[in-house]
Amino acid sequence: MGCAPKYADRFNFSQIDEFQMALYAKNVIAVGPCGLDCTIKLDMGLQRTVFKLQIEIATEMGLPLVIQSKMADLDCLDLLERYTPSTQKIHIQGFEGDDNTASCWMSSFPNVYFGLTPVIGDSATPTYIKDMVRSIPLNRVLLESGAPHFVPEKFSNDVQSSHFGFALVTAQAVGELRRVSMDTVLKVCRDNTRRFYDI
């Protein structure tokens, strides 16, 4: 549960206590999505303020953070390094950085996990993203469906929006890029999910 960067202008600062109380619900397992998005026309100062607040709340409550970082990895890292310990669990949704950026994240936060979407296997996906998928440790990967936005190209003529079943397409693409079986990817990523979210 959280406020994604594209909704930072809707965050109600007068209801911070209520927001934090809602996080105590037993079915809440993380704070997020939250983060920074440089691809939208929304004041970055406001985005940083809302993100910083959620970092502090997650840290105080001992909850993992689910982060959206759109062309903002260095800014996100800067805020996280200042306001949460290096032991913080972080799930970066739809990670699209290169292997050097992934290394920076892992160096600063040993408990960072990279969410991958089904489009990683598309022909239009940049080589640097495919290289990143091959290079990051498999025990740092979380499978995502990309719902509702990221429809893999092989289904784009038949499906208008992504759905949870496309996490299997992600697993297949990870396996093909890393030259391991889909079963191996699914087993390791299931263990990753359980370990990260304590479920």
Protein backbone atom coordinates (compact mmCIF):
# COMPACT_ATOMS: atom_id res chain seq x y z
CA MET A 1 0.00 0.00 0.00
CA GLY A 2 1.42 3.35 -1.00
CA CYS A 3 1.36 6.37 -3.25
CA ALA A 4 2.92 5.88 -6.69
CA PRO A 5 4.92 8.83 -8.03
CA LYS A 6 2.32 9.71 -10.67
CA TYR A 7 -0.19 10.32 -7.84
CA ALA A 8 2.13 12.37 -5.61
CA ASP A 9 -0.02 15.47 -6.18
CA ARG A 10 -2.99 13.62 -4.68
CA PHE A 11 -1.22 12.59 -1.49
CA ASN A 12 -3.08 13.97 1.52
CA PHE A 13 -0.49 15.13 4.04
CA SER A 14 -3.21 15.83 6.60
CA GLN A 15 -3.99 12.09 6.74
CA ILE A 16 -0.50 10.70 7.33
CA ASP A 17 -1.56 9.12 10.63
CA GLU A 18 -4.48 7.36 8.92
CA PHE A 19 -2.17 6.19 6.12
CA GLN A 20 0.25 4.74 8.64
CA MET A 21 -2.53 3.09 10.66
CA ALA A 22 -3.82 1.40 7.49
CA LEU A 23 -0.39 -0.19 7.05
CA TYR A 24 -0.93 -2.14 10.27
CA ALA A 25 -3.62 -4.25 8.59
CA LYS A 26 -2.47 -7.88 8.59
CA ASN A 27 -2.77 -8.20 4.80
CA VAL A 28 -0.39 -5.27 4.14
CA ILE A 29 3.07 -6.67 3.46
CA ALA A 30 4.92 -3.66 2.00
CA VAL A 31 4.88 0.09 1.46
CA GLY A 32 4.43 0.99 -2.17
CA PRO A 33 4.49 1.40 -4.98
CA CYS A 34 6.34 4.62 -4.29
CA GLY A 35 9.36 6.29 -5.83
CA LEU A 36 10.27 8.82 -8.50
CA ASP A 37 9.26 9.14 -12.14
CA CYS A 38 11.21 11.53 -14.39
CA THR A 39 9.05 10.65 -17.40
CA ILE A 40 5.97 12.51 -16.17
CA LYS A 41 5.25 16.21 -15.80
CA LEU A 42 4.87 16.31 -12.05
CA ASP A 43 7.01 18.43 -9.74
CA MET A 44 10.07 16.40 -8.70
CA GLY A 45 10.28 18.24 -5.37
CA LEU A 46 6.79 17.02 -4.50
CA GLN A 47 7.60 13.49 -5.70
CA ARG A 48 10.71 13.46 -3.50
CA THR A 49 8.76 14.67 -0.45
CA VAL A 50 6.09 11.98 -0.84
CA PHE A 51 8.72 9.30 -1.51
CA LYS A 52 10.85 10.35 1.49
CA LEU A 53 7.81 10.15 3.75
CA GLN A 54 7.04 6.62 2.61
CA ILE A 55 10.69 5.57 3.02
CA GLU A 56 10.60 6.81 6.60
CA ILE A 57 7.29 5.07 7.35
CA ALA A 58 8.50 1.75 5.87
CA THR A 59 11.73 2.00 7.85
CA GLU A 60 9.92 2.79 11.08
CA MET A 61 7.46 -0.08 10.59
CA GLY A 62 10.02 -2.60 9.31
CA LEU A 63 8.16 -3.11 6.03
CA PRO A 64 9.68 -3.72 2.60
CA LEU A 65 9.55 -0.95 0.00
CA VAL A 66 8.14 -1.45 -3.49
CA ILE A 67 9.69 1.17 -5.73
CA GLN A 68 8.91 2.62 -9.13
CA SER A 69 12.03 4.31 -10.50
CA LYS A 70 11.50 5.72 -13.96
CA MET A 71 14.75 7.22 -15.24
CA ALA A 72 15.44 8.18 -11.62
CA ASP A 73 17.69 5.47 -10.19
CA LEU A 74 20.37 7.84 -8.88
CA ASP A 75 17.79 10.14 -7.27
CA CYS A 76 16.02 7.15 -5.69
CA LEU A 77 19.30 5.75 -4.40
CA ASP A 78 20.26 9.15 -2.96
CA LEU A 79 17.05 9.41 -0.93
CA LEU A 80 17.16 5.80 0.19
CA GLU A 81 20.78 6.01 1.28
CA ARG A 82 19.93 9.07 3.38
CA TYR A 83 16.70 7.88 4.99
CA THR A 84 16.82 4.12 5.40
CA PRO A 85 19.46 1.59 6.50
CA SER A 86 21.30 -0.51 3.93
CA THR A 87 19.45 -3.57 5.24
CA GLN A 88 16.11 -2.26 3.93
CA LYS A 89 14.26 -4.71 1.67
CA ILE A 90 13.57 -3.09 -1.71
CA HIS A 91 11.61 -4.42 -4.69
CA ILE A 92 12.14 -2.29 -7.81
CA GLN A 93 9.12 -2.76 -10.05
CA GLY A 94 9.67 -3.18 -13.77
CA PHE A 95 13.42 -2.61 -13.52
CA GLU A 96 14.83 -1.29 -16.79
CA GLY A 97 18.36 -0.33 -15.81
CA ASP A 98 21.60 -1.70 -17.17
CA ASP A 99 23.87 -4.11 -15.30
CA ASN A 100 25.97 -1.24 -13.89
CA THR A 101 22.87 0.37 -12.39
CA ALA A 102 21.81 -2.98 -10.97
CA SER A 103 25.29 -3.32 -9.41
CA CYS A 104 24.93 0.12 -7.81
CA TRP A 105 21.62 -0.92 -6.26
CA MET A 106 23.05 -4.21 -4.97
CA SER A 107 26.13 -2.48 -3.57
CA SER A 108 24.04 0.03 -1.61
CA PHE A 109 21.22 -2.33 -0.63
CA PRO A 110 22.09 -6.03 -0.30
CA ASN A 111 18.36 -6.84 0.06
CA VAL A 112 17.30 -5.31 -3.25
CA TYR A 113 15.26 -7.38 -5.70
CA PHE A 114 14.58 -6.58 -9.35
CA GLY A 115 11.08 -6.97 -10.73
CA LEU A 116 11.07 -8.01 -14.39
CA THR A 117 8.11 -7.76 -16.77
CA PRO A 118 7.15 -9.96 -19.75
CA VAL A 119 8.44 -7.45 -22.32
CA ILE A 120 12.06 -8.32 -21.47
CA GLY A 121 11.85 -11.00 -24.16
CA ASP A 122 10.45 -8.70 -26.86
CA SER A 123 12.53 -8.00 -29.96
CA ALA A 124 12.22 -4.24 -29.31
CA THR A 125 13.65 -4.50 -25.80
CA PRO A 126 17.08 -2.83 -25.72
CA THR A 127 20.12 -5.08 -25.56
CA TYR A 128 21.32 -3.47 -22.32
CA ILE A 129 18.16 -4.68 -20.54
CA LYS A 130 18.61 -8.22 -21.84
CA ASP A 131 22.26 -8.11 -20.75
CA MET A 132 21.14 -6.97 -17.29
CA VAL A 133 18.71 -9.90 -17.04
CA ARG A 134 21.58 -12.26 -17.87
CA SER A 135 23.97 -10.69 -15.35
CA ILE A 136 21.99 -10.09 -12.14
CA PRO A 137 21.86 -13.04 -9.73
CA LEU A 138 18.72 -15.11 -10.27
CA ASN A 139 18.14 -15.03 -6.51
CA ARG A 140 17.50 -11.27 -6.87
CA VAL A 141 14.74 -11.60 -9.49
CA LEU A 142 11.01 -11.20 -8.91
CA LEU A 143 8.61 -12.12 -11.71
CA GLU A 144 6.02 -9.52 -12.67
CA SER A 145 3.11 -9.57 -15.09
CA GLY A 146 3.43 -5.91 -16.01
CA ALA A 147 -0.34 -5.58 -15.59
CA PRO A 148 -2.02 -3.76 -17.06
CA HIS A 149 0.49 -1.97 -19.28
CA PHE A 150 3.19 -4.35 -20.50
CA VAL A 151 1.73 -6.76 -23.06
CA PRO A 152 4.41 -9.00 -24.60
CA GLU A 153 4.67 -8.58 -28.36
CA LYS A 154 3.65 -12.15 -29.16
CA PHE A 155 0.23 -11.43 -27.59
CA SER A 156 -0.20 -7.81 -28.69
CA ASN A 157 -2.64 -8.62 -31.50
CA ASP A 158 -4.92 -10.64 -29.24
CA VAL A 159 -4.77 -8.90 -25.84
CA GLN A 160 -5.41 -5.25 -24.95
CA SER A 161 -3.85 -5.29 -21.49
CA SER A 162 -1.51 -7.48 -19.49
CA HIS A 163 -2.76 -9.80 -16.74
CA PHE A 164 -1.25 -11.81 -13.91
CA GLY A 165 -0.82 -14.90 -16.08
CA PHE A 166 1.87 -13.07 -18.03
CA ALA A 167 4.24 -13.61 -15.10
CA LEU A 168 4.76 -17.02 -16.73
CA VAL A 169 5.83 -15.26 -19.94
CA THR A 170 8.34 -13.34 -17.84
CA ALA A 171 9.65 -16.61 -16.39
CA GLN A 172 10.00 -18.07 -19.88
CA ALA A 173 11.89 -14.98 -21.12
CA VAL A 174 14.23 -15.01 -18.10
CA GLY A 175 14.94 -18.70 -18.72
CA GLU A 176 15.67 -18.15 -22.40
CA LEU A 177 17.96 -15.18 -21.73
CA ARG A 178 19.84 -16.98 -18.96
CA ARG A 179 19.76 -20.41 -20.66
CA VAL A 180 18.13 -22.16 -17.73
CA SER A 181 14.85 -24.04 -17.57
CA MET A 182 11.59 -22.25 -16.90
CA ASP A 183 11.07 -24.64 -13.96
CA THR A 184 14.33 -23.44 -12.42
CA VAL A 185 13.31 -19.80 -12.85
CA LEU A 186 9.90 -20.43 -11.30
CA LYS A 187 11.34 -22.29 -8.31
CA VAL A 188 14.03 -19.72 -7.56
CA CYS A 189 11.68 -16.76 -8.04
CA ARG A 190 8.99 -18.36 -5.88
CA ASP A 191 11.59 -18.72 -3.12
CA ASN A 192 12.67 -15.10 -3.72
CA THR A 193 9.09 -13.88 -3.34
CA ARG A 194 8.56 -15.81 -0.13
CA ARG A 195 11.86 -14.58 1.30
CA PHE A 196 11.28 -10.94 0.32
CA TYR A 197 7.67 -10.65 1.46
CA ASP A 198 7.87 -13.13 4.37
CA ILE A 199 4.96 -15.15 3.01
